[in-house]
Amino acid sequence: MFEDQLAAMQELLSSNDEFRELHEKHQSLEAEIEALGPAGVADMSVERLKKEKLLIKDKLAAMMQLHTADAAAV
């Protein structure tokens, strides 16, 4: 992650409840997927978790991009 992205993430984590909740959910899904280990790789529930995690990651990235663009405009 680049320095400006890290700064945007830290700002959003401290100031945006929705971003913080999505980030926590993303971390939770990551831990859940890792706990299933290699044996769960072909499991449909793991695929569902990975898709959900990716959707959240996309939302987080969009929020960070918007935040960075807003900060640059000021």
N, C-alpha and C. Protein backbone atom coordinates (compact mmCIF):
# COMPACT_ATOMS: atom_id res chain seq x y z
N MET A 1 0.86 -1.17 0.00
CA MET A 1 0.00 0.00 0.00
C MET A 1 0.90 1.23 0.00
N PHE A 2 0.55 2.20 -0.81
CA PHE A 2 1.33 3.43 -0.90
C PHE A 2 1.07 4.32 0.31
N GLU A 3 2.00 5.22 0.57
CA GLU A 3 1.91 6.08 1.75
C GLU A 3 0.64 6.91 1.77
N ASP A 4 0.24 7.47 0.62
CA ASP A 4 -0.98 8.28 0.59
C ASP A 4 -2.22 7.43 0.84
N GLN A 5 -2.19 6.19 0.38
CA GLN A 5 -3.32 5.29 0.64
C GLN A 5 -3.38 4.92 2.11
N LEU A 6 -2.23 4.70 2.72
CA LEU A 6 -2.18 4.37 4.14
C LEU A 6 -2.71 5.54 4.96
N ALA A 7 -2.34 6.74 4.59
CA ALA A 7 -2.82 7.93 5.30
C ALA A 7 -4.33 8.06 5.15
N ALA A 8 -4.83 7.85 3.94
CA ALA A 8 -6.28 7.93 3.70
C ALA A 8 -7.00 6.87 4.52
N MET A 9 -6.43 5.66 4.57
CA MET A 9 -7.07 4.59 5.34
C MET A 9 -7.12 4.95 6.82
N GLN A 10 -6.03 5.46 7.36
CA GLN A 10 -6.00 5.83 8.77
C GLN A 10 -7.01 6.94 9.07
N GLU A 11 -7.11 7.92 8.19
CA GLU A 11 -8.07 9.00 8.38
C GLU A 11 -9.50 8.46 8.36
N LEU A 12 -9.79 7.60 7.39
CA LEU A 12 -11.14 7.06 7.27
C LEU A 12 -11.47 6.13 8.44
N LEU A 13 -10.51 5.36 8.90
CA LEU A 13 -10.75 4.48 10.05
C LEU A 13 -11.11 5.28 11.29
N SER A 14 -10.52 6.44 11.43
CA SER A 14 -10.79 7.25 12.62
C SER A 14 -12.00 8.16 12.49
N SER A 15 -12.43 8.43 11.25
CA SER A 15 -13.49 9.42 11.08
C SER A 15 -14.77 8.91 10.41
N ASN A 16 -14.76 7.72 9.83
CA ASN A 16 -15.90 7.25 9.05
C ASN A 16 -16.37 5.90 9.58
N ASP A 17 -17.53 5.90 10.21
CA ASP A 17 -18.07 4.68 10.82
C ASP A 17 -18.30 3.57 9.79
N GLU A 18 -18.83 3.92 8.64
CA GLU A 18 -19.10 2.91 7.61
C GLU A 18 -17.79 2.26 7.14
N PHE A 19 -16.79 3.08 6.90
CA PHE A 19 -15.49 2.56 6.47
C PHE A 19 -14.91 1.64 7.54
N ARG A 20 -14.99 2.07 8.80
CA ARG A 20 -14.46 1.27 9.90
C ARG A 20 -15.18 -0.08 10.00
N GLU A 21 -16.50 -0.07 9.87
CA GLU A 21 -17.27 -1.32 9.94
C GLU A 21 -16.93 -2.25 8.78
N LEU A 22 -16.80 -1.69 7.58
CA LEU A 22 -16.43 -2.51 6.42
C LEU A 22 -15.03 -3.08 6.60
N HIS A 23 -14.11 -2.27 7.11
CA HIS A 23 -12.74 -2.73 7.33
C HIS A 23 -12.71 -3.87 8.35
N GLU A 24 -13.47 -3.73 9.42
CA GLU A 24 -13.53 -4.78 10.44
C GLU A 24 -14.13 -6.06 9.87
N LYS A 25 -15.16 -5.93 9.05
CA LYS A 25 -15.78 -7.09 8.42
C LYS A 25 -14.78 -7.76 7.47
N HIS A 26 -14.04 -6.97 6.72
CA HIS A 26 -13.03 -7.50 5.80
C HIS A 26 -11.98 -8.30 6.59
N GLN A 27 -11.52 -7.74 7.71
CA GLN A 27 -10.53 -8.42 8.54
C GLN A 27 -11.10 -9.72 9.11
N SER A 28 -12.35 -9.68 9.51
CA SER A 28 -13.01 -10.86 10.06
C SER A 28 -13.12 -11.96 9.02
N LEU A 29 -13.50 -11.59 7.80
CA LEU A 29 -13.60 -12.58 6.72
C LEU A 29 -12.23 -13.16 6.40
N GLU A 30 -11.20 -12.33 6.40
CA GLU A 30 -9.84 -12.80 6.15
C GLU A 30 -9.44 -13.86 7.17
N ALA A 31 -9.73 -13.57 8.44
CA ALA A 31 -9.39 -14.52 9.51
C ALA A 31 -10.18 -15.82 9.36
N GLU A 32 -11.44 -15.69 9.00
CA GLU A 32 -12.29 -16.87 8.83
C GLU A 32 -11.79 -17.75 7.68
N ILE A 33 -11.42 -17.13 6.58
CA ILE A 33 -10.90 -17.86 5.43
C ILE A 33 -9.59 -18.54 5.79
N GLU A 34 -8.70 -17.82 6.46
CA GLU A 34 -7.42 -18.39 6.86
C GLU A 34 -7.60 -19.55 7.84
N ALA A 35 -8.59 -19.46 8.73
CA ALA A 35 -8.84 -20.51 9.71
C ALA A 35 -9.28 -21.81 9.03
N LEU A 36 -9.95 -21.68 7.89
CA LEU A 36 -10.39 -22.87 7.16
C LEU A 36 -9.22 -23.59 6.50
N GLY A 37 -8.17 -22.84 6.24
CA GLY A 37 -6.95 -23.43 5.70
C GLY A 37 -7.12 -24.01 4.32
N PRO A 38 -6.08 -24.72 3.86
CA PRO A 38 -6.09 -25.29 2.50
C PRO A 38 -7.20 -26.31 2.27
N ALA A 39 -7.65 -26.97 3.33
CA ALA A 39 -8.70 -27.97 3.17
C ALA A 39 -10.01 -27.35 2.71
N GLY A 40 -10.21 -26.06 3.01
CA GLY A 40 -11.45 -25.41 2.65
C GLY A 40 -11.42 -24.72 1.30
N VAL A 41 -10.31 -24.83 0.58
CA VAL A 41 -10.15 -24.09 -0.67
C VAL A 41 -11.24 -24.39 -1.68
N ALA A 42 -11.66 -25.63 -1.80
CA ALA A 42 -12.68 -25.99 -2.79
C ALA A 42 -14.10 -25.88 -2.24
N ASP A 43 -14.21 -25.58 -0.99
CA ASP A 43 -15.51 -25.50 -0.33
C ASP A 43 -16.29 -24.29 -0.85
N MET A 44 -17.56 -24.48 -1.14
CA MET A 44 -18.40 -23.39 -1.66
C MET A 44 -18.55 -22.27 -0.65
N SER A 45 -18.56 -22.59 0.63
CA SER A 45 -18.69 -21.53 1.63
C SER A 45 -17.46 -20.64 1.63
N VAL A 46 -16.29 -21.21 1.37
CA VAL A 46 -15.06 -20.42 1.28
C VAL A 46 -15.14 -19.51 0.07
N GLU A 47 -15.64 -20.02 -1.03
CA GLU A 47 -15.79 -19.18 -2.22
C GLU A 47 -16.74 -18.02 -1.95
N ARG A 48 -17.81 -18.28 -1.23
CA ARG A 48 -18.76 -17.22 -0.89
C ARG A 48 -18.09 -16.17 0.01
N LEU A 49 -17.31 -16.64 0.98
CA LEU A 49 -16.59 -15.72 1.86
C LEU A 49 -15.59 -14.87 1.08
N LYS A 50 -14.89 -15.49 0.15
CA LYS A 50 -13.91 -14.76 -0.65
C LYS A 50 -14.59 -13.71 -1.53
N LYS A 51 -15.74 -14.04 -2.09
CA LYS A 51 -16.47 -13.08 -2.91
C LYS A 51 -16.97 -11.90 -2.07
N GLU A 52 -17.48 -12.22 -0.88
CA GLU A 52 -17.95 -11.17 0.01
C GLU A 52 -16.79 -10.26 0.42
N LYS A 53 -15.65 -10.87 0.72
CA LYS A 53 -14.46 -10.12 1.10
C LYS A 53 -14.01 -9.21 -0.04
N LEU A 54 -14.05 -9.71 -1.25
CA LEU A 54 -13.65 -8.91 -2.41
C LEU A 54 -14.59 -7.73 -2.63
N LEU A 55 -15.89 -7.95 -2.46
CA LEU A 55 -16.85 -6.85 -2.60
C LEU A 55 -16.57 -5.76 -1.58
N ILE A 56 -16.28 -6.18 -0.35
CA ILE A 56 -15.98 -5.20 0.69
C ILE A 56 -14.68 -4.46 0.36
N LYS A 57 -13.69 -5.20 -0.13
CA LYS A 57 -12.42 -4.56 -0.49
C LYS A 57 -12.64 -3.51 -1.58
N ASP A 58 -13.49 -3.83 -2.56
CA ASP A 58 -13.80 -2.87 -3.62
C ASP A 58 -14.47 -1.61 -3.06
N LYS A 59 -15.39 -1.80 -2.11
CA LYS A 59 -16.06 -0.65 -1.49
C LYS A 59 -15.05 0.21 -0.72
N LEU A 60 -14.16 -0.46 0.03
CA LEU A 60 -13.14 0.26 0.78
C LEU A 60 -12.24 1.05 -0.17
N ALA A 61 -11.82 0.43 -1.26
CA ALA A 61 -10.95 1.10 -2.23
C ALA A 61 -11.65 2.31 -2.84
N ALA A 62 -12.92 2.19 -3.16
CA ALA A 62 -13.67 3.30 -3.74
C ALA A 62 -13.79 4.45 -2.73
N MET A 63 -14.03 4.10 -1.48
CA MET A 63 -14.13 5.13 -0.44
C MET A 63 -12.79 5.83 -0.24
N MET A 64 -11.70 5.07 -0.28
CA MET A 64 -10.37 5.66 -0.13
C MET A 64 -10.05 6.57 -1.31
N GLN A 65 -10.40 6.14 -2.51
CA GLN A 65 -10.14 6.95 -3.71
C GLN A 65 -10.91 8.26 -3.64
N LEU A 66 -12.17 8.18 -3.24
CA LEU A 66 -12.99 9.39 -3.11
C LEU A 66 -12.41 10.33 -2.05
N HIS A 67 -12.00 9.75 -0.94
CA HIS A 67 -11.41 10.54 0.14
C HIS A 67 -10.13 11.23 -0.33
N THR A 68 -9.29 10.50 -1.05
CA THR A 68 -8.04 11.06 -1.55
C THR A 68 -8.30 12.16 -2.57
N ALA A 69 -9.28 11.95 -3.44
CA ALA A 69 -9.63 12.95 -4.45
C ALA A 69 -10.19 14.21 -3.77
N ASP A 70 -11.02 14.03 -2.76
CA ASP A 70 -11.58 15.17 -2.02
C ASP A 70 -10.47 15.94 -1.32
N ALA A 71 -9.51 15.23 -0.73
CA ALA A 71 -8.41 15.88 -0.03
C ALA A 71 -7.53 16.66 -0.99
N ALA A 72 -7.34 16.12 -2.19
CA ALA A 72 -6.51 16.79 -3.19
C ALA A 72 -7.19 18.05 -3.73
N ALA A 73 -8.51 18.05 -3.74
CA ALA A 73 -9.25 19.18 -4.27
C ALA A 73 -9.26 20.37 -3.31
N VAL A 74 -8.96 20.10 -2.07
CA VAL A 74 -9.00 21.17 -1.05
C VAL A 74 -7.75 21.96 -1.03
